[in-house]
């Protein structure tokens, strides 16, 4: 067995305190799906079809019960910054 001078419990507590202070951690921004969809002017079913998700999933995102992740979040950011590009691809 190896002896160590580390206090793992103290390290964990310090890490939690750093996160609470906002010093470390990953911050992800989730665009407002309802606002993006509203600016594009599509119904929920049209927008869901456009981005390839179910209407139910879109509703969950819009109501804050779930958050889009990975490729969906990236696609939403594209739709937010350049909705014409998204509509052009779908045409």
PDB file of N, CA and C in Angstrom:
ATOM      1  N   UNK A   1       0.824  -1.182   0.000  1.00  0.00           N
ATOM      2  CA  UNK A   1       0.000   0.000   0.000  1.00  0.00           C
ATOM      3  C   UNK A   1       0.870   1.247   0.000  1.00  0.00           C
ATOM      4  N   UNK A   2       0.444   2.240  -0.720  1.00  0.00           N
ATOM      5  CA  UNK A   2       1.193   3.464  -0.870  1.00  0.00           C
ATOM      6  C   UNK A   2       0.657   4.528   0.076  1.00  0.00           C
ATOM      7  N   UNK A   3       1.545   5.250   0.700  1.00  0.00           N
ATOM      8  CA  UNK A   3       1.133   6.334   1.587  1.00  0.00           C
ATOM      9  C   UNK A   3       1.108   7.631   0.791  1.00  0.00           C
ATOM     10  N   UNK A   4       0.073   8.408   1.011  1.00  0.00           N
ATOM     11  CA  UNK A   4      -0.055   9.679   0.294  1.00  0.00           C
ATOM     12  C   UNK A   4      -0.370  10.794   1.283  1.00  0.00           C
ATOM     13  N   UNK A   5       0.044  11.980   0.927  1.00  0.00           N
ATOM     14  CA  UNK A   5      -0.210  13.136   1.786  1.00  0.00           C
ATOM     15  C   UNK A   5      -1.444  13.904   1.343  1.00  0.00           C
ATOM     16  N   UNK A   6      -2.150  13.375   0.358  1.00  0.00           N
ATOM     17  CA  UNK A   6      -3.340  14.065  -0.156  1.00  0.00           C
ATOM     18  C   UNK A   6      -4.515  13.880   0.784  1.00  0.00           C
ATOM     19  N   UNK A   7      -5.323  14.929   0.882  1.00  0.00           N
ATOM     20  CA  UNK A   7      -6.587  14.857   1.610  1.00  0.00           C
ATOM     21  C   UNK A   7      -7.690  14.985   0.562  1.00  0.00           C
ATOM     22  N   UNK A   8      -8.135  13.861   0.067  1.00  0.00           N
ATOM     23  CA  UNK A   8      -9.102  13.845  -1.028  1.00  0.00           C
ATOM     24  C   UNK A   8     -10.387  14.579  -0.641  1.00  0.00           C
ATOM     25  N   UNK A   9     -10.849  14.384   0.571  1.00  0.00           N
ATOM     26  CA  UNK A   9     -12.074  15.058   1.025  1.00  0.00           C
ATOM     27  C   UNK A   9     -11.944  16.573   0.946  1.00  0.00           C
ATOM     28  N   UNK A  10     -10.811  17.096   1.389  1.00  0.00           N
ATOM     29  CA  UNK A  10     -10.580  18.539   1.342  1.00  0.00           C
ATOM     30  C   UNK A  10     -10.494  19.031  -0.103  1.00  0.00           C
ATOM     31  N   UNK A  11      -9.888  18.224  -0.983  1.00  0.00           N
ATOM     32  CA  UNK A  11      -9.796  18.596  -2.393  1.00  0.00           C
ATOM     33  C   UNK A  11     -11.176  18.661  -3.038  1.00  0.00           C
ATOM     34  N   UNK A  12     -12.025  17.711  -2.704  1.00  0.00           N
ATOM     35  CA  UNK A  12     -13.387  17.708  -3.247  1.00  0.00           C
ATOM     36  C   UNK A  12     -14.154  18.929  -2.762  1.00  0.00           C
ATOM     37  N   UNK A  13     -14.077  19.215  -1.477  1.00  0.00           N
ATOM     38  CA  UNK A  13     -14.766  20.385  -0.923  1.00  0.00           C
ATOM     39  C   UNK A  13     -14.265  21.679  -1.548  1.00  0.00           C
ATOM     40  N   UNK A  14     -12.950  21.791  -1.744  1.00  0.00           N
ATOM     41  CA  UNK A  14     -12.393  22.991  -2.380  1.00  0.00           C
ATOM     42  C   UNK A  14     -12.898  23.118  -3.812  1.00  0.00           C
ATOM     43  N   UNK A  15     -12.973  21.997  -4.523  1.00  0.00           N
ATOM     44  CA  UNK A  15     -13.504  22.025  -5.882  1.00  0.00           C
ATOM     45  C   UNK A  15     -14.949  22.489  -5.923  1.00  0.00           C
ATOM     46  N   UNK A  16     -15.749  22.020  -5.016  1.00  0.00           N
ATOM     47  CA  UNK A  16     -17.159  22.440  -4.947  1.00  0.00           C
ATOM     48  C   UNK A  16     -17.256  23.931  -4.656  1.00  0.00           C
ATOM     49  N   UNK A  17     -16.432  24.401  -3.737  1.00  0.00           N
ATOM     50  CA  UNK A  17     -16.443  25.829  -3.410  1.00  0.00           C
ATOM     51  C   UNK A  17     -16.012  26.670  -4.610  1.00  0.00           C
ATOM     52  N   UNK A  18     -15.044  26.211  -5.385  1.00  0.00           N
ATOM     53  CA  UNK A  18     -14.616  26.930  -6.585  1.00  0.00           C
ATOM     54  C   UNK A  18     -15.750  26.999  -7.607  1.00  0.00           C
ATOM     55  N   UNK A  19     -16.450  25.916  -7.773  1.00  0.00           N
ATOM     56  CA  UNK A  19     -17.582  25.905  -8.711  1.00  0.00           C
ATOM     57  C   UNK A  19     -18.650  26.885  -8.256  1.00  0.00           C
ATOM     58  N   UNK A  20     -18.964  26.883  -6.966  1.00  0.00           N
ATOM     59  CA  UNK A  20     -19.979  27.797  -6.441  1.00  0.00           C
ATOM     60  C   UNK A  20     -19.573  29.257  -6.632  1.00  0.00           C
ATOM     61  N   UNK A  21     -18.275  29.523  -6.525  1.00  0.00           N
ATOM     62  CA  UNK A  21     -17.784  30.892  -6.724  1.00  0.00           C
ATOM     63  C   UNK A  21     -17.678  31.245  -8.204  1.00  0.00           C
ATOM     64  N   UNK A  22     -17.896  30.280  -9.069  1.00  0.00           N
ATOM     65  CA  UNK A  22     -17.814  30.524 -10.504  1.00  0.00           C
ATOM     66  C   UNK A  22     -16.403  30.558 -11.045  1.00  0.00           C
ATOM     67  N   UNK A  23     -15.473  30.016 -10.306  1.00  0.00           N
ATOM     68  CA  UNK A  23     -14.073  30.058 -10.720  1.00  0.00           C
ATOM     69  C   UNK A  23     -13.725  28.962 -11.721  1.00  0.00           C
ATOM     70  N   UNK A  24     -14.400  27.853 -11.668  1.00  0.00           N
ATOM     71  CA  UNK A  24     -14.129  26.735 -12.571  1.00  0.00           C
ATOM     72  C   UNK A  24     -15.443  26.121 -13.011  1.00  0.00           C
ATOM     73  N   UNK A  25     -15.349  25.282 -13.985  1.00  0.00           N
ATOM     74  CA  UNK A  25     -16.541  24.576 -14.454  1.00  0.00           C
ATOM     75  C   UNK A  25     -16.868  24.979 -15.872  1.00  0.00           C
ATOM     76  N   UNK A  26     -17.591  24.131 -16.526  1.00  0.00           N
ATOM     77  CA  UNK A  26     -17.984  24.388 -17.900  1.00  0.00           C
ATOM     78  C   UNK A  26     -19.337  25.086 -17.901  1.00  0.00           C
ATOM     79  N   UNK A  27     -19.397  26.165 -18.619  1.00  0.00           N
ATOM     80  CA  UNK A  27     -20.646  26.904 -18.745  1.00  0.00           C
ATOM     81  C   UNK A  27     -21.133  26.736 -20.173  1.00  0.00           C
ATOM     82  N   UNK A  28     -22.334  26.239 -20.305  1.00  0.00           N
ATOM     83  CA  UNK A  28     -22.906  26.093 -21.635  1.00  0.00           C
ATOM     84  C   UNK A  28     -24.124  26.979 -21.741  1.00  0.00           C
ATOM     85  N   UNK A  29     -24.254  27.599 -22.866  1.00  0.00           N
ATOM     86  CA  UNK A  29     -25.420  28.433 -23.080  1.00  0.00           C
ATOM     87  C   UNK A  29     -26.367  27.698 -24.008  1.00  0.00           C
ATOM     88  N   UNK A  30     -27.595  27.692 -23.616  1.00  0.00           N
ATOM     89  CA  UNK A  30     -28.621  27.059 -24.426  1.00  0.00           C
ATOM     90  C   UNK A  30     -29.500  28.168 -24.986  1.00  0.00           C
ATOM     91  N   UNK A  31     -29.544  28.283 -26.281  1.00  0.00           N
ATOM     92  CA  UNK A  31     -30.361  29.344 -26.865  1.00  0.00           C
ATOM     93  C   UNK A  31     -31.840  29.122 -26.575  1.00  0.00           C
ATOM     94  N   UNK A  32     -32.599  30.196 -26.531  1.00  0.00           N
ATOM     95  CA  UNK A  32     -34.038  30.104 -26.325  1.00  0.00           C
ATOM     96  C   UNK A  32     -34.673  29.564 -27.602  1.00  0.00           C
ATOM     97  N   UNK A  33     -35.101  28.330 -27.529  1.00  0.00           N
ATOM     98  CA  UNK A  33     -35.653  27.659 -28.695  1.00  0.00           C
ATOM     99  C   UNK A  33     -36.915  28.366 -29.183  1.00  0.00           C
ATOM    100  N   UNK A  34     -37.765  28.758 -28.260  1.00  0.00           N
ATOM    101  CA  UNK A  34     -39.016  29.427 -28.637  1.00  0.00           C
ATOM    102  C   UNK A  34     -38.740  30.747 -29.357  1.00  0.00           C
ATOM    103  N   UNK A  35     -37.738  31.492 -28.890  1.00  0.00           N
ATOM    104  CA  UNK A  35     -37.405  32.767 -29.538  1.00  0.00           C
ATOM    105  C   UNK A  35     -36.855  32.551 -30.938  1.00  0.00           C
ATOM    106  N   UNK A  36     -35.987  31.547 -31.077  1.00  0.00           N
ATOM    107  CA  UNK A  36     -35.426  31.244 -32.393  1.00  0.00           C
ATOM    108  C   UNK A  36     -36.546  30.862 -33.355  1.00  0.00           C
ATOM    109  N   UNK A  37     -37.404  29.954 -32.894  1.00  0.00           N
ATOM    110  CA  UNK A  37     -38.513  29.498 -33.735  1.00  0.00           C
ATOM    111  C   UNK A  37     -39.432  30.662 -34.094  1.00  0.00           C
ATOM    112  N   UNK A  38     -39.691  31.537 -33.145  1.00  0.00           N
ATOM    113  CA  UNK A  38     -40.548  32.700 -33.387  1.00  0.00           C
ATOM    114  C   UNK A  38     -39.965  33.652 -34.416  1.00  0.00           C
ATOM    115  N   UNK A  39     -38.643  33.879 -34.333  1.00  0.00           N
ATOM    116  CA  UNK A  39     -38.007  34.769 -35.305  1.00  0.00           C
ATOM    117  C   UNK A  39     -38.046  34.187 -36.714  1.00  0.00           C
ATOM    118  N   UNK A  40     -37.949  32.866 -36.807  1.00  0.00           N
ATOM    119  CA  UNK A  40     -38.007  32.229 -38.119  1.00  0.00           C
ATOM    120  C   UNK A  40     -39.444  32.208 -38.634  1.00  0.00           C
ATOM    121  N   UNK A  41     -40.400  32.214 -37.708  1.00  0.00           N
ATOM    122  CA  UNK A  41     -41.809  32.268 -38.101  1.00  0.00           C
ATOM    123  C   UNK A  41     -42.420  30.917 -38.435  1.00  0.00           C
ATOM    124  N   UNK A  42     -41.954  29.869 -37.764  1.00  0.00           N
ATOM    125  CA  UNK A  42     -42.482  28.536 -38.029  1.00  0.00           C
ATOM    126  C   UNK A  42     -43.283  28.029 -36.839  1.00  0.00           C
ATOM    127  N   UNK A  43     -44.227  27.151 -37.124  1.00  0.00           N
ATOM    128  CA  UNK A  43     -44.977  26.492 -36.056  1.00  0.00           C
ATOM    129  C   UNK A  43     -44.057  25.474 -35.381  1.00  0.00           C
ATOM    130  N   UNK A  44     -44.492  24.940 -34.242  1.00  0.00           N
ATOM    131  CA  UNK A  44     -43.686  23.931 -33.568  1.00  0.00           C
ATOM    132  C   UNK A  44     -43.455  22.718 -34.464  1.00  0.00           C
ATOM    133  N   UNK A  45     -44.500  22.266 -35.124  1.00  0.00           N
ATOM    134  CA  UNK A  45     -44.343  21.071 -35.963  1.00  0.00           C
ATOM    135  C   UNK A  45     -43.426  21.346 -37.159  1.00  0.00           C
ATOM    136  N   UNK A  46     -43.524  22.522 -37.748  1.00  0.00           N
ATOM    137  CA  UNK A  46     -42.650  22.869 -38.883  1.00  0.00           C
ATOM    138  C   UNK A  46     -41.195  22.954 -38.438  1.00  0.00           C
ATOM    139  N   UNK A  47     -40.968  23.613 -37.305  1.00  0.00           N
ATOM    140  CA  UNK A  47     -39.603  23.780 -36.819  1.00  0.00           C
ATOM    141  C   UNK A  47     -39.012  22.446 -36.387  1.00  0.00           C
ATOM    142  N   UNK A  48     -39.810  21.625 -35.719  1.00  0.00           N
ATOM    143  CA  UNK A  48     -39.333  20.308 -35.300  1.00  0.00           C
ATOM    144  C   UNK A  48     -38.924  19.478 -36.513  1.00  0.00           C
ATOM    145  N   UNK A  49     -39.736  19.501 -37.543  1.00  0.00           N
ATOM    146  CA  UNK A  49     -39.422  18.763 -38.769  1.00  0.00           C
ATOM    147  C   UNK A  49     -38.135  19.310 -39.398  1.00  0.00           C
ATOM    148  N   UNK A  50     -37.988  20.632 -39.392  1.00  0.00           N
ATOM    149  CA  UNK A  50     -36.821  21.273 -39.990  1.00  0.00           C
ATOM    150  C   UNK A  50     -35.518  20.837 -39.320  1.00  0.00           C
ATOM    151  N   UNK A  51     -35.532  20.739 -37.997  1.00  0.00           N
ATOM    152  CA  UNK A  51     -34.288  20.396 -37.288  1.00  0.00           C
ATOM    153  C   UNK A  51     -34.185  18.908 -36.958  1.00  0.00           C
ATOM    154  N   UNK A  52     -35.205  18.133 -37.328  1.00  0.00           N
ATOM    155  CA  UNK A  52     -35.119  16.686 -37.187  1.00  0.00           C
ATOM    156  C   UNK A  52     -35.370  16.133 -35.805  1.00  0.00           C
ATOM    157  N   UNK A  53     -36.281  16.772 -35.065  1.00  0.00           N
ATOM    158  CA  UNK A  53     -36.664  16.246 -33.750  1.00  0.00           C
ATOM    159  C   UNK A  53     -38.180  16.105 -33.700  1.00  0.00           C
ATOM    160  N   UNK A  54     -38.662  15.416 -32.695  1.00  0.00           N
ATOM    161  CA  UNK A  54     -40.104  15.280 -32.539  1.00  0.00           C
ATOM    162  C   UNK A  54     -40.685  16.574 -31.964  1.00  0.00           C
ATOM    163  N   UNK A  55     -41.961  16.772 -32.198  1.00  0.00           N
ATOM    164  CA  UNK A  55     -42.642  17.946 -31.639  1.00  0.00           C
ATOM    165  C   UNK A  55     -42.557  17.905 -30.117  1.00  0.00           C
ATOM    166  N   UNK A  56     -42.689  16.729 -29.555  1.00  0.00           N
ATOM    167  CA  UNK A  56     -42.620  16.569 -28.098  1.00  0.00           C
ATOM    168  C   UNK A  56     -41.263  17.038 -27.560  1.00  0.00           C
ATOM    169  N   UNK A  57     -40.184  16.646 -28.242  1.00  0.00           N
ATOM    170  CA  UNK A  57     -38.847  17.083 -27.826  1.00  0.00           C
ATOM    171  C   UNK A  57     -38.735  18.600 -27.895  1.00  0.00           C
ATOM    172  N   UNK A  58     -39.232  19.173 -28.969  1.00  0.00           N
ATOM    173  CA  UNK A  58     -39.200  20.628 -29.116  1.00  0.00           C
ATOM    174  C   UNK A  58     -39.980  21.300 -27.987  1.00  0.00           C
ATOM    175  N   UNK A  59     -41.136  20.762 -27.659  1.00  0.00           N
ATOM    176  CA  UNK A  59     -41.938  21.314 -26.560  1.00  0.00           C
ATOM    177  C   UNK A  59     -41.194  21.213 -25.230  1.00  0.00           C
ATOM    178  N   UNK A  60     -40.520  20.100 -25.002  1.00  0.00           N
ATOM    179  CA  UNK A  60     -39.736  19.932 -23.770  1.00  0.00           C
ATOM    180  C   UNK A  60     -38.645  20.993 -23.674  1.00  0.00           C
ATOM    181  N   UNK A  61     -37.981  21.263 -24.807  1.00  0.00           N
ATOM    182  CA  UNK A  61     -36.953  22.307 -24.818  1.00  0.00           C
ATOM    183  C   UNK A  61     -37.554  23.666 -24.544  1.00  0.00           C
ATOM    184  N   UNK A  62     -38.641  23.985 -25.229  1.00  0.00           N
ATOM    185  CA  UNK A  62     -39.243  25.314 -25.093  1.00  0.00           C
ATOM    186  C   UNK A  62     -39.779  25.561 -23.689  1.00  0.00           C
ATOM    187  N   UNK A  63     -40.236  24.512 -23.037  1.00  0.00           N
ATOM    188  CA  UNK A  63     -40.801  24.668 -21.701  1.00  0.00           C
ATOM    189  C   UNK A  63     -39.766  24.486 -20.599  1.00  0.00           C
ATOM    190  N   UNK A  64     -38.512  24.260 -20.991  1.00  0.00           N
ATOM    191  CA  UNK A  64     -37.432  24.187 -20.024  1.00  0.00           C
ATOM    192  C   UNK A  64     -37.339  22.882 -19.255  1.00  0.00           C
ATOM    193  N   UNK A  65     -38.069  21.868 -19.666  1.00  0.00           N
ATOM    194  CA  UNK A  65     -37.998  20.584 -18.974  1.00  0.00           C
ATOM    195  C   UNK A  65     -36.786  19.777 -19.411  1.00  0.00           C
ATOM    196  N   UNK A  66     -36.315  20.031 -20.618  1.00  0.00           N
ATOM    197  CA  UNK A  66     -35.103  19.399 -21.142  1.00  0.00           C
ATOM    198  C   UNK A  66     -34.305  20.450 -21.885  1.00  0.00           C
ATOM    199  N   UNK A  67     -33.033  20.177 -22.050  1.00  0.00           N
ATOM    200  CA  UNK A  67     -32.179  21.104 -22.788  1.00  0.00           C
ATOM    201  C   UNK A  67     -31.563  20.378 -23.975  1.00  0.00           C
ATOM    202  N   UNK A  68     -31.509  21.039 -25.119  1.00  0.00           N
ATOM    203  CA  UNK A  68     -30.854  20.418 -26.269  1.00  0.00           C
ATOM    204  C   UNK A  68     -29.369  20.241 -25.979  1.00  0.00           C
ATOM    205  N   UNK A  69     -28.811  19.166 -26.513  1.00  0.00           N
ATOM    206  CA  UNK A  69     -27.391  18.938 -26.279  1.00  0.00           C
ATOM    207  C   UNK A  69     -26.706  18.584 -27.589  1.00  0.00           C
ATOM    208  N   UNK A  70     -25.411  18.685 -27.586  1.00  0.00           N
ATOM    209  CA  UNK A  70     -24.599  18.269 -28.721  1.00  0.00           C
ATOM    210  C   UNK A  70     -25.002  18.899 -30.035  1.00  0.00           C
ATOM    211  N   UNK A  71     -25.229  18.067 -31.042  1.00  0.00           N
ATOM    212  CA  UNK A  71     -25.534  18.574 -32.381  1.00  0.00           C
ATOM    213  C   UNK A  71     -26.800  19.437 -32.426  1.00  0.00           C
ATOM    214  N   UNK A  72     -27.777  19.111 -31.605  1.00  0.00           N
ATOM    215  CA  UNK A  72     -29.012  19.903 -31.601  1.00  0.00           C
ATOM    216  C   UNK A  72     -28.734  21.332 -31.144  1.00  0.00           C
ATOM    217  N   UNK A  73     -27.913  21.467 -30.107  1.00  0.00           N
ATOM    218  CA  UNK A  73     -27.580  22.813 -29.617  1.00  0.00           C
ATOM    219  C   UNK A  73     -26.818  23.588 -30.683  1.00  0.00           C
ATOM    220  N   UNK A  74     -25.904  22.922 -31.378  1.00  0.00           N
ATOM    221  CA  UNK A  74     -25.145  23.577 -32.442  1.00  0.00           C
ATOM    222  C   UNK A  74     -26.067  24.014 -33.570  1.00  0.00           C
ATOM    223  N   UNK A  75     -26.980  23.147 -33.957  1.00  0.00           N
ATOM    224  CA  UNK A  75     -27.928  23.490 -35.005  1.00  0.00           C
ATOM    225  C   UNK A  75     -28.804  24.672 -34.595  1.00  0.00           C
ATOM    226  N   UNK A  76     -29.199  24.712 -33.336  1.00  0.00           N
ATOM    227  CA  UNK A  76     -29.999  25.840 -32.844  1.00  0.00           C
ATOM    228  C   UNK A  76     -29.192  27.138 -32.856  1.00  0.00           C
ATOM    229  N   UNK A  77     -27.907  27.047 -32.564  1.00  0.00           N
ATOM    230  CA  UNK A  77     -27.070  28.251 -32.611  1.00  0.00           C
ATOM    231  C   UNK A  77     -26.933  28.747 -34.044  1.00  0.00           C
ATOM    232  N   UNK A  78     -26.838  27.824 -35.007  1.00  0.00           N
ATOM    233  CA  UNK A  78     -26.808  28.221 -36.417  1.00  0.00           C
ATOM    234  C   UNK A  78     -28.132  28.889 -36.784  1.00  0.00           C
ATOM    235  N   UNK A  79     -29.238  28.281 -36.355  1.00  0.00           N
ATOM    236  CA  UNK A  79     -30.557  28.855 -36.635  1.00  0.00           C
ATOM    237  C   UNK A  79     -30.694  30.242 -36.012  1.00  0.00           C
ATOM    238  N   UNK A  80     -30.091  30.439 -34.855  1.00  0.00           N
ATOM    239  CA  UNK A  80     -30.161  31.728 -34.172  1.00  0.00           C
ATOM    240  C   UNK A  80     -29.344  32.784 -34.906  1.00  0.00           C
ATOM    241  N   UNK A  81     -28.140  32.424 -35.325  1.00  0.00           N
ATOM    242  CA  UNK A  81     -27.243  33.385 -35.974  1.00  0.00           C
ATOM    243  C   UNK A  81     -27.553  33.597 -37.449  1.00  0.00           C
ATOM    244  N   UNK A  82     -28.004  32.528 -38.116  1.00  0.00           N
ATOM    245  CA  UNK A  82     -28.235  32.631 -39.552  1.00  0.00           C
ATOM    246  C   UNK A  82     -29.410  31.740 -39.963  1.00  0.00           C
ATOM    247  N   UNK A  83     -30.616  32.154 -39.648  1.00  0.00           N
ATOM    248  CA  UNK A  83     -31.785  31.322 -39.953  1.00  0.00           C
ATOM    249  C   UNK A  83     -31.929  31.039 -41.446  1.00  0.00           C
ATOM    250  N   UNK A  84     -31.477  31.953 -42.284  1.00  0.00           N
ATOM    251  CA  UNK A  84     -31.581  31.738 -43.729  1.00  0.00           C
ATOM    252  C   UNK A  84     -30.789  30.505 -44.155  1.00  0.00           C
ATOM    253  N   UNK A  85     -29.632  30.288 -43.536  1.00  0.00           N
ATOM    254  CA  UNK A  85     -28.816  29.123 -43.873  1.00  0.00           C
ATOM    255  C   UNK A  85     -29.565  27.837 -43.576  1.00  0.00           C
ATOM    256  N   UNK A  86     -30.240  27.796 -42.458  1.00  0.00           N
ATOM    257  CA  UNK A  86     -31.009  26.620 -42.083  1.00  0.00           C
ATOM    258  C   UNK A  86     -32.164  26.401 -43.057  1.00  0.00           C
ATOM    259  N   UNK A  87     -32.847  27.461 -43.393  1.00  0.00           N
ATOM    260  CA  UNK A  87     -33.973  27.356 -44.314  1.00  0.00           C
ATOM    261  C   UNK A  87     -33.504  26.987 -45.725  1.00  0.00           C
ATOM    262  N   UNK A  88     -32.352  27.498 -46.137  1.00  0.00           N
ATOM    263  CA  UNK A  88     -31.803  27.161 -47.457  1.00  0.00           C
ATOM    264  C   UNK A  88     -31.463  25.679 -47.554  1.00  0.00           C
ATOM    265  N   UNK A  89     -30.899  25.126 -46.494  1.00  0.00           N
ATOM    266  CA  UNK A  89     -30.529  23.710 -46.491  1.00  0.00           C
ATOM    267  C   UNK A  89     -31.779  22.847 -46.573  1.00  0.00           C
ATOM    268  N   UNK A  90     -32.829  23.271 -45.911  1.00  0.00           N
ATOM    269  CA  UNK A  90     -34.066  22.486 -45.870  1.00  0.00           C
ATOM    270  C   UNK A  90     -34.851  22.570 -47.176  1.00  0.00           C
ATOM    271  N   UNK A  91     -34.591  23.602 -47.964  1.00  0.00           N
ATOM    272  CA  UNK A  91     -35.364  23.792 -49.208  1.00  0.00           C
ATOM    273  C   UNK A  91     -35.006  22.797 -50.276  1.00  0.00           C
TER     274      UNK A  91
END
